[in-house]
Amino acid sequence: MKLKRVFGVGLAIGLMAPISLLTAAPAGAAGGTSCKTRKGTATITPGLGATKHDQTIKATTAISGCSGGGVTKGTGTSTIKVLKSSCSGLATTGQTMKLTETIKWNTGATSTLSGTSKTGPKAGQATITLKVTKGKFVNLHASTVVSFKPAQPAPYCTDAHPLKKLAIAGVKPFVIK
């Protein structure tokens, strides 16, 4: 049960992280970009326990190994709002959440993205689908799959010790096209 809770939380965080990754690896004005590596962390407030509460997940990810679009790396910051959630609720796949992200590229340009994060295809993963709404790569689409896992010592996922930290890593390249 703890693993399911951890995976669920990771999925939510993972959903936000992919957004950062997606924006961090934006495509060029014409051709797009593909970024090999995404890593970061996420903070869950107030934290996932046994009791359902509204949650805010904020993630920061470093994106690197990008080719195309005139960028080589970036830093993404994303926010996901989760309504009435607990560790057990996030442990299921197929949950879709809205997310927003801003990417600051190594060139100084920024991209603003908006879209969804859906838990899965496997437990502990999230599939991110975004559209660049402002800045570099405007009107292009981004996608990726990320994994997430708890980044704090046990115990967690209880009301006394909620899950508040996740580690995020890319499973598939972050692609903007």
Protein backbone atom coordinates (compact mmCIF):
# COMPACT_ATOMS: atom_id res chain seq x y z
CA MET A 1 0.00 0.00 0.00
CA LYS A 2 2.89 2.37 0.75
CA LEU A 3 4.37 1.69 -2.70
CA LYS A 4 1.07 2.56 -4.37
CA ARG A 5 0.90 5.78 -2.40
CA VAL A 6 4.47 6.66 -3.28
CA PHE A 7 3.89 5.90 -6.93
CA GLY A 8 0.74 7.99 -6.94
CA VAL A 9 2.52 10.97 -5.45
CA GLY A 10 5.39 10.40 -7.82
CA LEU A 11 2.98 10.38 -10.71
CA ALA A 12 1.62 13.74 -9.76
CA ILE A 13 5.08 15.16 -9.39
CA GLY A 14 6.21 13.35 -12.44
CA LEU A 15 3.45 15.03 -14.32
CA MET A 16 4.75 18.42 -13.38
CA ALA A 17 8.34 17.52 -14.04
CA PRO A 18 7.64 16.44 -17.61
CA ILE A 19 6.16 19.76 -18.27
CA SER A 20 9.37 21.39 -17.29
CA LEU A 21 11.19 18.97 -19.42
CA LEU A 22 8.95 19.62 -22.33
CA THR A 23 9.52 23.30 -22.19
CA ALA A 24 13.17 22.91 -21.49
CA ALA A 25 13.63 21.04 -24.73
CA PRO A 26 11.55 23.19 -27.02
CA ALA A 27 11.72 22.90 -30.73
CA GLY A 28 13.23 25.44 -33.03
CA ALA A 29 10.89 27.88 -34.71
CA ALA A 30 10.59 25.50 -37.62
CA GLY A 31 11.99 22.10 -36.68
CA GLY A 32 11.73 21.68 -32.94
CA THR A 33 14.01 20.26 -30.29
CA SER A 34 14.68 16.95 -28.61
CA CYS A 35 16.26 16.81 -25.14
CA LYS A 36 17.80 13.61 -23.79
CA THR A 37 17.97 14.28 -20.05
CA ARG A 38 15.49 15.63 -17.46
CA LYS A 39 16.06 15.52 -13.71
CA GLY A 40 14.61 17.42 -10.82
CA THR A 41 12.60 17.56 -7.65
CA ALA A 42 9.05 18.37 -6.63
CA THR A 43 7.53 19.70 -3.43
CA ILE A 44 3.97 18.79 -2.42
CA THR A 45 2.07 21.21 -0.17
CA PRO A 46 0.57 20.50 2.35
CA GLY A 47 1.76 16.93 1.68
CA LEU A 48 0.14 13.61 0.81
CA GLY A 49 -1.12 11.53 3.69
CA ALA A 50 -4.09 9.25 4.34
CA THR A 51 -6.65 12.09 4.46
CA LYS A 52 -7.66 13.84 1.24
CA HIS A 53 -6.64 17.50 0.92
CA ASP A 54 -6.18 19.94 -1.96
CA GLN A 55 -2.49 19.85 -2.96
CA THR A 56 -0.12 22.11 -4.86
CA ILE A 57 2.85 20.46 -6.52
CA LYS A 58 5.77 22.64 -7.57
CA ALA A 59 8.58 21.09 -9.59
CA THR A 60 11.93 22.32 -10.82
CA THR A 61 13.73 20.32 -13.51
CA ALA A 62 17.03 20.66 -15.36
CA ILE A 63 16.79 19.78 -19.05
CA SER A 64 19.93 19.01 -21.03
CA GLY A 65 21.28 17.29 -24.09
CA CYS A 66 18.99 19.28 -26.38
CA SER A 67 19.53 19.36 -30.14
CA GLY A 68 17.64 21.67 -32.49
CA GLY A 69 15.86 24.95 -31.92
CA GLY A 70 19.03 26.85 -30.98
CA VAL A 71 18.93 25.69 -27.34
CA THR A 72 21.09 23.14 -25.51
CA LYS A 73 19.59 23.18 -22.01
CA GLY A 74 17.05 24.88 -19.77
CA THR A 75 15.43 25.04 -16.36
CA GLY A 76 11.71 24.40 -16.01
CA THR A 77 9.45 25.39 -13.14
CA SER A 78 5.95 23.95 -13.09
CA THR A 79 2.83 23.97 -10.95
CA ILE A 80 0.11 21.34 -10.69
CA LYS A 81 -3.06 21.80 -8.65
CA VAL A 82 -4.56 18.57 -7.34
CA LEU A 83 -8.01 18.61 -5.73
CA LYS A 84 -8.88 16.41 -2.75
CA SER A 85 -5.94 14.05 -3.04
CA SER A 86 -4.20 11.55 -0.76
CA CYS A 87 -1.35 9.09 -1.27
CA SER A 88 -3.76 6.28 -2.12
CA GLY A 89 -5.68 8.43 -4.61
CA LEU A 90 -2.57 9.33 -6.56
CA ALA A 91 -1.43 5.71 -6.72
CA THR A 92 -3.81 4.96 -9.58
CA THR A 93 -2.96 5.41 -13.23
CA GLY A 94 -5.18 7.33 -15.63
CA GLN A 95 -5.64 10.47 -13.52
CA THR A 96 -5.38 13.66 -15.59
CA MET A 97 -4.29 16.96 -14.04
CA LYS A 98 -3.76 20.42 -15.49
CA LEU A 99 -0.33 21.94 -15.34
CA THR A 100 1.55 25.07 -16.29
CA GLU A 101 5.26 25.54 -16.75
CA THR A 102 7.82 28.18 -17.56
CA ILE A 103 11.15 27.25 -19.11
CA LYS A 104 14.20 29.50 -19.06
CA TRP A 105 16.59 28.47 -21.84
CA ASN A 106 20.35 28.75 -21.88
CA THR A 107 19.94 31.57 -24.46
CA GLY A 108 17.96 33.72 -22.00
CA ALA A 109 14.68 33.16 -23.86
CA THR A 110 11.64 31.78 -22.01
CA SER A 111 8.72 29.56 -22.96
CA THR A 112 5.36 29.29 -21.19
CA LEU A 113 3.54 25.96 -21.55
CA SER A 114 0.12 24.68 -20.59
CA GLY A 115 -1.37 21.20 -20.78
CA THR A 116 -1.95 17.97 -18.91
CA SER A 117 -0.13 15.32 -16.96
CA LYS A 118 -1.70 11.90 -16.88
CA THR A 119 -0.50 9.23 -14.47
CA GLY A 120 0.90 6.21 -16.30
CA PRO A 121 1.57 4.32 -18.48
CA LYS A 122 3.08 2.50 -15.47
CA ALA A 123 2.81 3.18 -11.75
CA GLY A 124 5.39 5.82 -10.81
CA GLN A 125 5.25 7.47 -14.24
CA ALA A 126 3.45 10.40 -15.84
CA THR A 127 2.76 11.24 -19.49
CA ILE A 128 3.00 14.98 -20.19
CA THR A 129 1.35 16.70 -23.16
CA LEU A 130 1.76 20.48 -23.54
CA LYS A 131 1.40 23.42 -25.89
CA VAL A 132 3.76 26.40 -25.85
CA THR A 133 1.43 29.39 -25.31
CA LYS A 134 3.97 32.22 -25.06
CA GLY A 135 7.59 33.01 -25.84
CA LYS A 136 10.12 30.81 -27.64
CA PHE A 137 8.49 27.98 -29.60
CA VAL A 138 5.00 29.51 -29.32
CA ASN A 139 2.25 27.28 -30.80
CA LEU A 140 4.47 24.18 -30.87
CA HIS A 141 3.58 21.03 -28.91
CA ALA A 142 5.69 19.18 -26.34
CA SER A 143 5.56 15.69 -24.89
CA THR A 144 7.47 13.36 -22.60
CA VAL A 145 7.15 10.60 -20.02
CA VAL A 146 8.76 10.99 -16.59
CA SER A 147 9.19 8.80 -13.54
CA PHE A 148 8.97 9.85 -9.91
CA LYS A 149 9.80 8.39 -6.53
CA PRO A 150 9.84 9.60 -2.93
CA ALA A 151 12.84 11.76 -2.07
CA GLN A 152 12.48 11.67 1.70
CA PRO A 153 13.15 9.03 4.32
CA ALA A 154 10.37 6.70 5.43
CA PRO A 155 7.85 6.80 6.91
CA TYR A 156 5.68 8.84 4.59
CA CYS A 157 2.11 8.83 3.25
CA THR A 158 0.56 9.11 6.69
CA ASP A 159 -1.18 12.15 8.14
CA ALA A 160 1.59 12.42 10.75
CA HIS A 161 4.34 12.06 8.10
CA PRO A 162 2.99 13.21 4.72
CA LEU A 163 4.89 12.76 1.48
CA LYS A 164 6.30 16.17 0.56
CA LYS A 165 9.31 15.51 -1.71
CA LEU A 166 9.73 13.64 -4.99
CA ALA A 167 12.63 12.94 -7.32
CA ILE A 168 11.84 13.21 -11.04
CA ALA A 169 13.66 11.67 -14.02
CA GLY A 170 12.93 11.48 -17.73
CA VAL A 171 11.88 8.10 -19.15
CA LYS A 172 11.51 9.34 -22.74
CA PRO A 173 13.11 12.36 -24.44
CA PHE A 174 11.39 15.71 -24.09
CA VAL A 175 10.33 16.68 -27.60
CA ILE A 176 8.94 19.96 -28.89
CA LYS A 177 7.65 20.03 -32.47
